[in-house]
C-alpha atoms as a PDB file:
ATOM      1  CA  MET A   1       0.001   0.059  -0.114  1.00  0.00           C
ATOM      2  CA  THR A   2       1.149   3.531  -0.618  1.00  0.00           C
ATOM      3  CA  PRO A   3       1.236   6.012   2.180  1.00  0.00           C
ATOM      4  CA  ARG A   4      -1.856   7.742   0.598  1.00  0.00           C
ATOM      5  CA  GLU A   5      -3.629   4.267   0.670  1.00  0.00           C
ATOM      6  CA  VAL A   6      -2.861   3.673   4.202  1.00  0.00           C
ATOM      7  CA  VAL A   7      -4.175   6.961   5.454  1.00  0.00           C
ATOM      8  CA  ILE A   8      -7.395   6.444   3.233  1.00  0.00           C
ATOM      9  CA  ALA A   9      -7.934   3.064   4.754  1.00  0.00           C
ATOM     10  CA  ALA A  10      -7.300   4.353   8.149  1.00  0.00           C
ATOM     11  CA  LEU A  11      -9.722   7.085   7.790  1.00  0.00           C
ATOM     12  CA  SER A  12     -12.347   4.446   6.459  1.00  0.00           C
ATOM     13  CA  HIS A  13     -11.980   2.535   9.573  1.00  0.00           C
ATOM     14  CA  ARG A  14     -10.048  -0.442   8.061  1.00  0.00           C
ATOM     15  CA  GLU A  15      -7.178  -1.848   9.850  1.00  0.00           C
ATOM     16  CA  THR A  16      -3.872  -1.306   8.227  1.00  0.00           C
ATOM     17  CA  PRO A  17      -0.551  -3.013   8.407  1.00  0.00           C
ATOM     18  CA  VAL A  18       1.133  -0.030  10.001  1.00  0.00           C
ATOM     19  CA  VAL A  19      -0.582   3.002  11.510  1.00  0.00           C
ATOM     20  CA  PRO A  20       0.030   6.192   9.457  1.00  0.00           C
ATOM     21  CA  PHE A  21       1.726   8.962  11.441  1.00  0.00           C
ATOM     22  CA  GLN A  22       2.405  12.576  11.213  1.00  0.00           C
ATOM     23  CA  VAL A  23       4.945  14.891  13.107  1.00  0.00           C
ATOM     24  CA  GLY A  24       4.996  18.701  12.959  1.00  0.00           C
ATOM     25  CA  TYR A  25       7.397  21.200  14.588  1.00  0.00           C
ATOM     26  CA  THR A  26       7.271  24.714  16.007  1.00  0.00           C
ATOM     27  CA  ALA A  27       9.845  27.012  14.434  1.00  0.00           C
ATOM     28  CA  GLN A  28      12.217  26.702  17.585  1.00  0.00           C
ATOM     29  CA  GLU A  29      11.953  23.062  17.884  1.00  0.00           C
ATOM     30  CA  TYR A  30      12.703  22.613  14.143  1.00  0.00           C
ATOM     31  CA  GLN A  31      15.788  24.469  14.626  1.00  0.00           C
ATOM     32  CA  LYS A  32      16.857  22.565  17.773  1.00  0.00           C
ATOM     33  CA  MET A  33      16.322  19.238  15.853  1.00  0.00           C
ATOM     34  CA  LEU A  34      18.280  20.622  12.795  1.00  0.00           C
ATOM     35  CA  ALA A  35      21.218  21.427  15.268  1.00  0.00           C
ATOM     36  CA  TYR A  36      21.007  18.128  16.805  1.00  0.00           C
ATOM     37  CA  THR A  37      20.910  15.653  13.861  1.00  0.00           C
ATOM     38  CA  GLY A  38      22.796  17.975  11.510  1.00  0.00           C
ATOM     39  CA  ASN A  39      20.344  17.085   8.581  1.00  0.00           C
ATOM     40  CA  GLN A  40      16.552  17.344   7.828  1.00  0.00           C
ATOM     41  CA  ASP A  41      15.840  13.594   7.735  1.00  0.00           C
ATOM     42  CA  PHE A  42      13.794  13.890  10.726  1.00  0.00           C
ATOM     43  CA  ALA A  43      11.387  16.013   8.951  1.00  0.00           C
ATOM     44  CA  ALA A  44      11.069  13.975   6.040  1.00  0.00           C
ATOM     45  CA  ILE A  45      10.078  11.203   8.263  1.00  0.00           C
ATOM     46  CA  GLY A  46       7.462  13.042   9.931  1.00  0.00           C
ATOM     47  CA  SER A  47       5.682  13.943   6.561  1.00  0.00           C
ATOM     48  CA  ARG A  48       5.824  10.429   5.041  1.00  0.00           C
ATOM     49  CA  TYR A  49       2.095   9.773   5.069  1.00  0.00           C
ATOM     50  CA  LEU A  50       0.439  13.243   4.803  1.00  0.00           C
ATOM     51  CA  HIS A  51       1.265  16.461   3.041  1.00  0.00           C
ATOM     52  CA  GLY A  52      -0.719  19.810   3.126  1.00  0.00           C
ATOM     53  CA  PHE A  53      -1.087  23.331   4.334  1.00  0.00           C
ATOM     54  CA  SER A  54      -3.293  25.342   6.235  1.00  0.00           C
ATOM     55  CA  TYR A  55      -4.385  29.049   5.314  1.00  0.00           C
ATOM     56  CA  ASP A  56      -4.043  31.169   8.334  1.00  0.00           C
ATOM     57  CA  GLY A  57      -4.269  34.758   6.985  1.00  0.00           C
ATOM     58  CA  TYR A  58      -0.722  34.845   5.816  1.00  0.00           C
ATOM     59  CA  PRO A  59       0.928  37.053   8.568  1.00  0.00           C
ATOM     60  CA  THR A  60       3.465  39.547   7.218  1.00  0.00           C
ATOM     61  CA  ALA A  61       6.062  41.480   9.302  1.00  0.00           C
ATOM     62  CA  CYS A  62       5.052  45.082  10.297  1.00  0.00           C
ATOM     63  CA  PRO A  63       7.741  47.102   8.773  1.00  0.00           C
ATOM     64  CA  ASP A  64       7.818  49.618  11.687  1.00  0.00           C
ATOM     65  CA  ARG A  65       7.403  46.951  14.732  1.00  0.00           C
ATOM     66  CA  ALA A  66       9.646  44.438  15.360  1.00  0.00           C
ATOM     67  CA  GLU A  67       8.347  40.746  15.962  1.00  0.00           C
ATOM     68  CA  HIS A  68       4.828  41.941  15.088  1.00  0.00           C
ATOM     69  CA  PHE A  69       2.923  40.663  12.197  1.00  0.00           C
ATOM     70  CA  VAL A  70      -0.258  41.821  10.305  1.00  0.00           C
ATOM     71  CA  ASP A  71      -2.544  39.158   8.710  1.00  0.00           C
ATOM     72  CA  ASP A  72      -5.149  39.221   5.867  1.00  0.00           C
ATOM     73  CA  TYR A  73      -7.831  40.202   8.375  1.00  0.00           C
ATOM     74  CA  GLY A  74      -5.890  43.179   9.671  1.00  0.00           C
ATOM     75  CA  VAL A  75      -5.182  41.538  13.053  1.00  0.00           C
ATOM     76  CA  ILE A  76      -1.839  42.271  14.343  1.00  0.00           C
ATOM     77  CA  TRP A  77       0.047  39.565  16.191  1.00  0.00           C
ATOM     78  CA  ASN A  78       2.652  40.326  18.735  1.00  0.00           C
ATOM     79  CA  ARG A  79       5.283  37.644  18.808  1.00  0.00           C
ATOM     80  CA  SER A  80       7.877  39.279  21.098  1.00  0.00           C
ATOM     81  CA  GLY A  81       6.934  37.143  23.990  1.00  0.00           C
ATOM     82  CA  ALA A  82       7.479  33.332  24.489  1.00  0.00           C
ATOM     83  CA  ASP A  83       5.271  32.316  21.634  1.00  0.00           C
ATOM     84  CA  LYS A  84       7.107  32.862  18.372  1.00  0.00           C
ATOM     85  CA  ASP A  85       4.859  30.753  16.100  1.00  0.00           C
ATOM     86  CA  ILE A  86       1.479  32.407  16.625  1.00  0.00           C
ATOM     87  CA  GLY A  87       1.793  35.280  18.948  1.00  0.00           C
ATOM     88  CA  VAL A  88      -0.955  37.061  20.856  1.00  0.00           C
ATOM     89  CA  VAL A  89      -3.447  39.747  19.403  1.00  0.00           C
ATOM     90  CA  ASP A  90      -1.892  43.125  19.852  1.00  0.00           C
ATOM     91  CA  THR A  91      -5.247  45.129  19.886  1.00  0.00           C
ATOM     92  CA  PRO A  92      -8.579  44.017  18.822  1.00  0.00           C
ATOM     93  CA  THR A  93      -9.561  45.229  15.265  1.00  0.00           C
ATOM     94  CA  ILE A  94     -13.329  45.375  16.299  1.00  0.00           C
ATOM     95  CA  PRO A  95     -13.106  46.970  19.706  1.00  0.00           C
ATOM     96  CA  GLU A  96     -16.993  46.926  20.339  1.00  0.00           C
ATOM     97  CA  PRO A  97     -19.882  44.925  19.365  1.00  0.00           C
ATOM     98  CA  ASP A  98     -20.653  47.062  16.115  1.00  0.00           C
ATOM     99  CA  LEU A  99     -20.685  45.172  12.701  1.00  0.00           C
ATOM    100  CA  SER A 100     -20.085  48.471  10.849  1.00  0.00           C
ATOM    101  CA  LEU A 101     -16.488  48.140  12.220  1.00  0.00           C
ATOM    102  CA  PHE A 102     -15.949  44.811  10.253  1.00  0.00           C
ATOM    103  CA  ARG A 103     -13.999  45.337   7.084  1.00  0.00           C
ATOM    104  CA  GLU A 104     -14.194  42.054   4.932  1.00  0.00           C
ATOM    105  CA  PRO A 105     -10.572  40.951   4.062  1.00  0.00           C
ATOM    106  CA  CYS A 106      -9.548  40.637   0.439  1.00  0.00           C
ATOM    107  CA  VAL A 107      -8.852  36.852  -0.697  1.00  0.00           C
ATOM    108  CA  ASP A 108      -5.425  36.617  -1.811  1.00  0.00           C
ATOM    109  CA  GLU A 109      -6.405  34.018  -4.393  1.00  0.00           C
ATOM    110  CA  ASP A 110      -2.991  33.961  -6.361  1.00  0.00           C
ATOM    111  CA  ARG A 111      -1.148  33.056  -2.951  1.00  0.00           C
ATOM    112  CA  ILE A 112      -3.694  30.519  -1.909  1.00  0.00           C
ATOM    113  CA  ARG A 113      -3.478  28.831  -5.686  1.00  0.00           C
ATOM    114  CA  ARG A 114       0.355  28.853  -5.336  1.00  0.00           C
ATOM    115  CA  ASP A 115       0.056  27.088  -2.000  1.00  0.00           C
ATOM    116  CA  CYS A 116      -2.500  24.407  -3.475  1.00  0.00           C
ATOM    117  CA  GLU A 117      -0.312  23.859  -6.415  1.00  0.00           C
ATOM    118  CA  HIS A 118       2.930  23.433  -4.434  1.00  0.00           C
ATOM    119  CA  VAL A 119       1.096  20.643  -2.270  1.00  0.00           C
ATOM    120  CA  ILE A 120      -0.321  19.026  -5.464  1.00  0.00           C
ATOM    121  CA  ARG A 121       2.963  19.038  -7.284  1.00  0.00           C
ATOM    122  CA  THR A 122       5.029  17.783  -4.344  1.00  0.00           C
ATOM    123  CA  ARG A 123       2.643  15.244  -3.092  1.00  0.00           C
ATOM    124  CA  GLY A 124       4.306  12.130  -4.384  1.00  0.00           C
ATOM    125  CA  ASP A 125       2.342   9.209  -3.123  1.00  0.00           C
ATOM    126  CA  ARG A 126       1.092  10.837   0.198  1.00  0.00           C
ATOM    127  CA  PHE A 127      -2.462  11.922   1.366  1.00  0.00           C
ATOM    128  CA  THR A 128      -3.050  15.376   0.705  1.00  0.00           C
ATOM    129  CA  HIS A 129      -5.037  18.155   2.587  1.00  0.00           C
ATOM    130  CA  ALA A 130      -5.623  21.909   2.560  1.00  0.00           C
ATOM    131  CA  GLY A 131      -7.286  23.900   5.241  1.00  0.00           C
ATOM    132  CA  ILE A 132      -8.150  26.943   7.106  1.00  0.00           C
ATOM    133  CA  GLY A 133      -6.780  27.863  10.623  1.00  0.00           C
ATOM    134  CA  PHE A 134      -8.386  30.013  13.047  1.00  0.00           C
ATOM    135  CA  SER A 135     -11.663  29.139  11.232  1.00  0.00           C
ATOM    136  CA  LEU A 136     -14.479  30.263  13.376  1.00  0.00           C
ATOM    137  CA  PHE A 137     -14.271  30.889  17.182  1.00  0.00           C
ATOM    138  CA  GLU A 138     -10.619  31.595  17.024  1.00  0.00           C
ATOM    139  CA  ARG A 139     -11.211  34.213  14.100  1.00  0.00           C
ATOM    140  CA  LEU A 140     -13.891  35.602  16.195  1.00  0.00           C
ATOM    141  CA  TRP A 141     -11.865  36.231  19.230  1.00  0.00           C
ATOM    142  CA  SER A 142      -8.838  37.339  16.965  1.00  0.00           C
ATOM    143  CA  TYR A 143     -11.117  40.106  15.920  1.00  0.00           C
ATOM    144  CA  VAL A 144     -12.686  41.316  19.264  1.00  0.00           C
ATOM    145  CA  GLY A 145     -10.396  39.575  21.972  1.00  0.00           C
ATOM    146  CA  MET A 146     -11.102  36.446  23.817  1.00  0.00           C
ATOM    147  CA  GLU A 147     -12.747  38.068  26.982  1.00  0.00           C
ATOM    148  CA  ASN A 148     -15.159  40.008  24.688  1.00  0.00           C
ATOM    149  CA  ALA A 149     -15.917  37.100  22.545  1.00  0.00           C
ATOM    150  CA  LEU A 150     -17.310  35.144  25.385  1.00  0.00           C
ATOM    151  CA  VAL A 151     -19.138  38.099  26.936  1.00  0.00           C
ATOM    152  CA  TYR A 152     -20.654  39.029  23.602  1.00  0.00           C
ATOM    153  CA  MET A 153     -22.073  35.505  23.190  1.00  0.00           C
ATOM    154  CA  LEU A 154     -24.190  36.275  26.160  1.00  0.00           C
ATOM    155  CA  THR A 155     -24.906  40.047  26.007  1.00  0.00           C
ATOM    156  CA  ASP A 156     -24.654  40.776  22.139  1.00  0.00           C
ATOM    157  CA  LYS A 157     -25.821  37.608  20.399  1.00  0.00           C
ATOM    158  CA  GLU A 158     -26.963  39.411  17.120  1.00  0.00           C
ATOM    159  CA  PHE A 159     -23.598  40.976  16.766  1.00  0.00           C
ATOM    160  CA  VAL A 160     -21.710  37.516  17.367  1.00  0.00           C
ATOM    161  CA  HIS A 161     -24.102  35.788  14.697  1.00  0.00           C
ATOM    162  CA  GLY A 162     -23.553  38.427  12.221  1.00  0.00           C
ATOM    163  CA  LEU A 163     -19.854  38.604  12.552  1.00  0.00           C
ATOM    164  CA  LEU A 164     -19.638  34.561  12.479  1.00  0.00           C
ATOM    165  CA  ASP A 165     -21.819  34.887   9.175  1.00  0.00           C
ATOM    166  CA  ARG A 166     -19.163  37.027   7.684  1.00  0.00           C
ATOM    167  CA  ILE A 167     -16.336  34.811   8.776  1.00  0.00           C
ATOM    168  CA  CYS A 168     -18.031  31.842   7.412  1.00  0.00           C
ATOM    169  CA  ALA A 169     -18.790  33.492   4.135  1.00  0.00           C
ATOM    170  CA  TYR A 170     -15.284  34.265   3.676  1.00  0.00           C
ATOM    171  CA  ASN A 171     -14.179  30.880   4.640  1.00  0.00           C
ATOM    172  CA  LEU A 172     -16.461  29.371   1.823  1.00  0.00           C
ATOM    173  CA  LYS A 173     -14.558  31.446  -0.664  1.00  0.00           C
ATOM    174  CA  ILE A 174     -11.411  30.047   0.491  1.00  0.00           C
ATOM    175  CA  ILE A 175     -12.896  26.531   0.314  1.00  0.00           C
ATOM    176  CA  ASP A 176     -14.402  27.078  -3.366  1.00  0.00           C
ATOM    177  CA  ILE A 177     -10.653  27.707  -4.353  1.00  0.00           C
ATOM    178  CA  MET A 178      -9.258  24.807  -2.546  1.00  0.00           C
ATOM    179  CA  ASN A 179     -11.940  22.560  -4.009  1.00  0.00           C
ATOM    180  CA  GLU A 180     -10.627  23.096  -7.479  1.00  0.00           C
ATOM    181  CA  TYR A 181      -7.548  20.971  -6.501  1.00  0.00           C
ATOM    182  CA  PRO A 182      -7.716  17.152  -6.019  1.00  0.00           C
ATOM    183  CA  PHE A 183      -6.941  17.345  -2.299  1.00  0.00           C
ATOM    184  CA  ASP A 184      -7.849  14.132  -0.394  1.00  0.00           C
ATOM    185  CA  GLY A 185      -9.024  16.162   2.744  1.00  0.00           C
ATOM    186  CA  MET A 186      -9.775  19.392   4.050  1.00  0.00           C
ATOM    187  CA  TYR A 187      -8.585  20.400   7.506  1.00  0.00           C
ATOM    188  CA  PHE A 188     -10.117  23.095   9.742  1.00  0.00           C
ATOM    189  CA  GLY A 189      -8.521  24.577  12.906  1.00  0.00           C
ATOM    190  CA  ASP A 190     -10.480  26.083  15.654  1.00  0.00           C
ATOM    191  CA  ASP A 191      -9.756  25.425  19.562  1.00  0.00           C
ATOM    192  CA  TRP A 192     -12.771  24.990  21.719  1.00  0.00           C
ATOM    193  CA  GLY A 193     -11.482  23.049  24.674  1.00  0.00           C
ATOM    194  CA  LYS A 194     -10.025  23.806  28.091  1.00  0.00           C
ATOM    195  CA  GLN A 195      -8.190  21.077  30.099  1.00  0.00           C
ATOM    196  CA  ARG A 196     -11.773  20.267  31.424  1.00  0.00           C
ATOM    197  CA  GLY A 197     -14.729  21.036  29.364  1.00  0.00           C
ATOM    198  CA  MET A 198     -15.300  23.668  26.540  1.00  0.00           C
ATOM    199  CA  ILE A 199     -14.213  27.280  26.637  1.00  0.00           C
ATOM    200  CA  MET A 200     -17.723  28.559  25.818  1.00  0.00           C
ATOM    201  CA  GLY A 201     -19.622  25.555  27.022  1.00  0.00           C
ATOM    202  CA  ALA A 202     -21.566  23.117  24.676  1.00  0.00           C
ATOM    203  CA  PRO A 203     -24.891  24.983  24.545  1.00  0.00           C
ATOM    204  CA  LEU A 204     -23.198  28.168  23.030  1.00  0.00           C
ATOM    205  CA  TRP A 205     -20.979  25.960  20.765  1.00  0.00           C
ATOM    206  CA  ARG A 206     -24.305  24.628  19.370  1.00  0.00           C
ATOM    207  CA  GLU A 207     -25.735  27.883  18.882  1.00  0.00           C
ATOM    208  CA  PHE A 208     -22.966  29.850  17.528  1.00  0.00           C
ATOM    209  CA  ILE A 209     -20.231  27.441  15.831  1.00  0.00           C
ATOM    210  CA  LYS A 210     -22.175  24.205  14.881  1.00  0.00           C
ATOM    211  CA  PRO A 211     -24.430  25.599  12.010  1.00  0.00           C
ATOM    212  CA  ARG A 212     -21.547  27.458  10.367  1.00  0.00           C
ATOM    213  CA  LEU A 213     -19.202  24.416  10.865  1.00  0.00           C
ATOM    214  CA  GLN A 214     -21.935  22.347   9.125  1.00  0.00           C
ATOM    215  CA  LYS A 215     -22.033  24.612   6.234  1.00  0.00           C
ATOM    216  CA  MET A 216     -18.121  24.488   5.892  1.00  0.00           C
ATOM    217  CA  TYR A 217     -18.154  20.597   6.061  1.00  0.00           C
ATOM    218  CA  ALA A 218     -20.846  20.305   3.475  1.00  0.00           C
ATOM    219  CA  HIS A 219     -18.869  22.850   1.156  1.00  0.00           C
ATOM    220  CA  ALA A 220     -15.641  21.065   1.841  1.00  0.00           C
ATOM    221  CA  SER A 221     -16.642  17.590   1.465  1.00  0.00           C
ATOM    222  CA  ARG A 222     -17.443  17.733  -2.263  1.00  0.00           C
ATOM    223  CA  ASN A 223     -15.655  14.831  -4.416  1.00  0.00           C
ATOM    224  CA  GLY A 224     -15.552  12.714  -1.375  1.00  0.00           C
ATOM    225  CA  LYS A 225     -12.984  14.806   0.628  1.00  0.00           C
ATOM    226  CA  PHE A 226     -12.357  13.707   4.152  1.00  0.00           C
ATOM    227  CA  ILE A 227     -13.127  16.234   6.742  1.00  0.00           C
ATOM    228  CA  ILE A 228     -10.471  16.764   9.489  1.00  0.00           C
ATOM    229  CA  GLN A 229     -11.077  19.183  12.505  1.00  0.00           C
ATOM    230  CA  HIS A 230      -8.469  20.377  14.858  1.00  0.00           C
ATOM    231  CA  SER A 231      -9.354  21.490  18.381  1.00  0.00           C
ATOM    232  CA  CYS A 232      -7.015  21.450  21.508  1.00  0.00           C
ATOM    233  CA  GLY A 233      -8.717  20.395  24.896  1.00  0.00           C
ATOM    234  CA  ASP A 234     -11.743  18.616  26.019  1.00  0.00           C
ATOM    235  CA  ILE A 235     -14.614  18.844  23.459  1.00  0.00           C
ATOM    236  CA  HIS A 236     -16.115  15.318  24.435  1.00  0.00           C
ATOM    237  CA  GLU A 237     -19.612  16.919  24.812  1.00  0.00           C
ATOM    238  CA  VAL A 238     -19.685  17.581  21.102  1.00  0.00           C
ATOM    239  CA  LEU A 239     -18.243  14.567  19.582  1.00  0.00           C
ATOM    240  CA  GLU A 240     -21.594  13.280  18.485  1.00  0.00           C
ATOM    241  CA  ASP A 241     -22.532  16.586  17.084  1.00  0.00           C
ATOM    242  CA  LEU A 242     -19.512  16.575  14.961  1.00  0.00           C
ATOM    243  CA  ILE A 243     -20.080  13.270  13.861  1.00  0.00           C
ATOM    244  CA  GLU A 244     -23.686  14.253  12.901  1.00  0.00           C
ATOM    245  CA  ILE A 245     -22.589  17.155  10.638  1.00  0.00           C
ATOM    246  CA  GLY A 246     -19.999  15.158   8.709  1.00  0.00           C
ATOM    247  CA  LEU A 247     -16.649  14.974  10.652  1.00  0.00           C
ATOM    248  CA  ASP A 248     -14.470  12.144   9.676  1.00  0.00           C
ATOM    249  CA  CYS A 249     -11.318  12.783  11.727  1.00  0.00           C
ATOM    250  CA  TYR A 250     -10.767  14.566  15.051  1.00  0.00           C
ATOM    251  CA  GLN A 251      -7.302  15.940  15.750  1.00  0.00           C
ATOM    252  CA  THR A 252      -5.841  16.432  18.422  1.00  0.00           C
ATOM    253  CA  PHE A 253      -6.342  13.449  20.716  1.00  0.00           C
ATOM    254  CA  GLN A 254      -4.757  14.257  23.950  1.00  0.00           C
ATOM    255  CA  PRO A 255      -4.185  11.294  26.423  1.00  0.00           C
ATOM    256  CA  GLU A 256      -4.203  13.650  29.309  1.00  0.00           C
ATOM    257  CA  ILE A 257      -7.814  14.638  28.747  1.00  0.00           C
ATOM    258  CA  TYR A 258      -9.419  11.671  27.092  1.00  0.00           C
ATOM    259  CA  ASP A 259      -9.533   7.954  28.162  1.00  0.00           C
ATOM    260  CA  MET A 260      -8.394   6.888  24.707  1.00  0.00           C
ATOM    261  CA  ALA A 261      -9.743   3.229  25.052  1.00  0.00           C
ATOM    262  CA  ALA A 262     -13.148   4.436  26.118  1.00  0.00           C
ATOM    263  CA  VAL A 263     -13.553   7.128  23.467  1.00  0.00           C
ATOM    264  CA  LYS A 264     -12.500   4.477  20.959  1.00  0.00           C
ATOM    265  CA  GLU A 265     -14.954   2.111  21.942  1.00  0.00           C
ATOM    266  CA  GLN A 266     -17.832   4.655  22.142  1.00  0.00           C
ATOM    267  CA  VAL A 267     -17.430   6.260  18.753  1.00  0.00           C
ATOM    268  CA  GLY A 268     -14.317   4.724  17.205  1.00  0.00           C
ATOM    269  CA  ASP A 269     -16.349   3.054  14.611  1.00  0.00           C
ATOM    270  CA  ARG A 270     -17.744   6.346  13.257  1.00  0.00           C
ATOM    271  CA  LEU A 271     -14.934   8.971  14.155  1.00  0.00           C
ATOM    272  CA  SER A 272     -11.173   8.640  13.295  1.00  0.00           C
ATOM    273  CA  PHE A 273      -8.688  10.212  15.626  1.00  0.00           C
ATOM    274  CA  TRP A 274      -5.300  11.739  15.086  1.00  0.00           C
ATOM    275  CA  GLY A 275      -2.944  12.472  17.710  1.00  0.00           C
ATOM    276  CA  GLY A 276      -2.318  10.428  20.947  1.00  0.00           C
ATOM    277  CA  ILE A 277       1.372  11.201  22.078  1.00  0.00           C
ATOM    278  CA  SER A 278       1.245  13.988  24.572  1.00  0.00           C
ATOM    279  CA  THR A 279       3.184  17.212  23.883  1.00  0.00           C
ATOM    280  CA  GLN A 280       2.014  18.563  27.156  1.00  0.00           C
ATOM    281  CA  ALA A 281       3.120  15.815  29.637  1.00  0.00           C
ATOM    282  CA  ALA A 282       4.888  12.918  27.932  1.00  0.00           C
ATOM    283  CA  LEU A 283       7.385  14.277  25.205  1.00  0.00           C
ATOM    284  CA  PRO A 284       8.810  17.052  27.508  1.00  0.00           C
ATOM    285  CA  ASN A 285       9.202  15.109  30.471  1.00  0.00           C
ATOM    286  CA  LYS A 286       9.645  11.301  29.996  1.00  0.00           C
ATOM    287  CA  SER A 287      12.782   9.343  29.052  1.00  0.00           C
ATOM    288  CA  PRO A 288      13.205   7.985  25.353  1.00  0.00           C
ATOM    289  CA  ASP A 289      12.550   4.578  26.750  1.00  0.00           C
ATOM    290  CA  GLU A 290       9.331   5.798  28.384  1.00  0.00           C
ATOM    291  CA  ILE A 291       8.418   7.475  25.137  1.00  0.00           C
ATOM    292  CA  ARG A 292       8.992   4.247  23.287  1.00  0.00           C
ATOM    293  CA  LYS A 293       6.664   2.411  25.681  1.00  0.00           C
ATOM    294  CA  ILE A 294       4.004   5.140  25.480  1.00  0.00           C
ATOM    295  CA  VAL A 295       3.862   5.007  21.693  1.00  0.00           C
ATOM    296  CA  ARG A 296       3.556   1.169  21.809  1.00  0.00           C
ATOM    297  CA  ASP A 297       0.798   1.359  24.264  1.00  0.00           C
ATOM    298  CA  THR A 298      -1.040   3.823  22.337  1.00  0.00           C
ATOM    299  CA  LEU A 299      -0.973   1.967  19.162  1.00  0.00           C
ATOM    300  CA  ARG A 300      -2.169  -1.177  20.839  1.00  0.00           C
ATOM    301  CA  ILE A 301      -5.170   0.716  22.074  1.00  0.00           C
ATOM    302  CA  MET A 302      -5.934   2.538  19.058  1.00  0.00           C
ATOM    303  CA  LYS A 303      -4.843   0.420  16.072  1.00  0.00           C
ATOM    304  CA  LYS A 304      -7.836  -2.130  16.275  1.00  0.00           C
ATOM    305  CA  GLY A 305     -10.264  -1.451  13.558  1.00  0.00           C
ATOM    306  CA  GLY A 306      -8.313   1.497  12.063  1.00  0.00           C
ATOM    307  CA  GLY A 307      -9.463   4.900  12.370  1.00  0.00           C
ATOM    308  CA  PHE A 308      -6.210   6.251  13.636  1.00  0.00           C
ATOM    309  CA  ILE A 309      -3.434   8.494  12.721  1.00  0.00           C
ATOM    310  CA  VAL A 310      -0.665   8.484  15.394  1.00  0.00           C
ATOM    311  CA  GLY A 311       1.410  11.691  16.177  1.00  0.00           C
ATOM    312  CA  PRO A 312       2.191  14.188  18.736  1.00  0.00           C
ATOM    313  CA  THR A 313      -0.838  16.202  19.945  1.00  0.00           C
ATOM    314  CA  HIS A 314       0.408  19.521  18.670  1.00  0.00           C
ATOM    315  CA  ALA A 315       3.355  20.744  16.679  1.00  0.00           C
ATOM    316  CA  ILE A 316       6.149  19.764  18.912  1.00  0.00           C
ATOM    317  CA  PRO A 317       7.094  22.766  21.113  1.00  0.00           C
ATOM    318  CA  GLN A 318      10.759  23.698  21.962  1.00  0.00           C
ATOM    319  CA  ASP A 319      10.956  22.194  25.428  1.00  0.00           C
ATOM    320  CA  VAL A 320      10.993  18.546  24.011  1.00  0.00           C
ATOM    321  CA  PRO A 321      14.541  16.982  24.065  1.00  0.00           C
ATOM    322  CA  PRO A 322      15.547  15.795  20.590  1.00  0.00           C
ATOM    323  CA  GLU A 323      16.487  12.368  22.027  1.00  0.00           C
ATOM    324  CA  ASN A 324      12.630  12.025  22.790  1.00  0.00           C
ATOM    325  CA  VAL A 325      11.636  13.054  19.209  1.00  0.00           C
ATOM    326  CA  LEU A 326      13.861  10.549  17.716  1.00  0.00           C
ATOM    327  CA  ALA A 327      12.684   7.746  20.067  1.00  0.00           C
ATOM    328  CA  MET A 328       9.041   8.469  18.943  1.00  0.00           C
ATOM    329  CA  LEU A 329      10.012   8.522  15.310  1.00  0.00           C
ATOM    330  CA  ASP A 330      11.765   5.235  15.484  1.00  0.00           C
ATOM    331  CA  GLU A 331       8.705   3.630  17.124  1.00  0.00           C
ATOM    332  CA  PHE A 332       6.594   5.123  14.527  1.00  0.00           C
ATOM    333  CA  LEU A 333       8.853   3.637  11.805  1.00  0.00           C
ATOM    334  CA  HIS A 334       9.294   0.254  13.395  1.00  0.00           C
ATOM    335  CA  GLN A 335       5.964  -0.409  14.835  1.00  0.00           C
ATOM    336  CA  ASN A 336       5.655  -3.327  17.124  1.00  0.00           C
ATOM    337  CA  CYS A 337       2.499  -3.692  18.902  1.00  0.00           C
ATOM    338  CA  GLU A 338      -0.104  -6.425  19.399  1.00  0.00           C
ATOM    339  CA  VAL A 339      -3.739  -5.754  18.872  1.00  0.00           C
END
């Protein structure tokens, strides 16, 4: 089987000889791994099965402000702190619940097409995907601020519905462009979870996020594309909702949050999972031998019946020792687990 065929089989809930895997890195960790290994082989291993890109608004450097970046939405991100990859919103671009302050961003169609064409041109025999990061809730709070977003969901519902409608309409334009290319899957990023429970709670998620997400899934799943959703944190309350509206694969599956065996038993025949190796607890803190055991145990739990892509639960952060990354990659390459 080719890597693409292995991923498609896994997402179709068919058990495969090996479990497909994927590993991404923050910029700081990538440089640390490069210095440690002296070559880029580790990166090639991590992208053996899947290949894609996610549109995130294309932040570009602010010429007059060091470590500040402005994206297509007009949001300025400050990366002068600890988070050098995303940063924090410098100042909300919509400082009060007034839709007249919204300015629809211009779709950078040429650049999106270049990214799509690059993925297709360099795909080889891998599973390909395109996607949209910060797709709904995260885009809402990047416009107005996190605290305001949550307050407005209670005090200014009409404003929130109106802003999310505009965000969704913009996303559909991006999806229309991506749909012109033969991707195997479409990926959406939008964090809804805390360590325990959802940031806005399940009822508000169902009111504000679910209907727009359903539109996006329906739009993106044309031509048989698999739908993949990223959300950090605990979203167990809405897994059935996500299955209902057409989700195929949930990423990221955090073992410090979920009882993996129990969730696999409950919905594993209807929903695939991507993740399982903790970047929060295990990878920064365990020994290489312990990491190897964690990988083997995770595969033993999740391999049965397919429906699993193994990998770290987030792009690997800079506090992870290179030895642990290499131990994990070696276990991915030489899988030895009994179902």
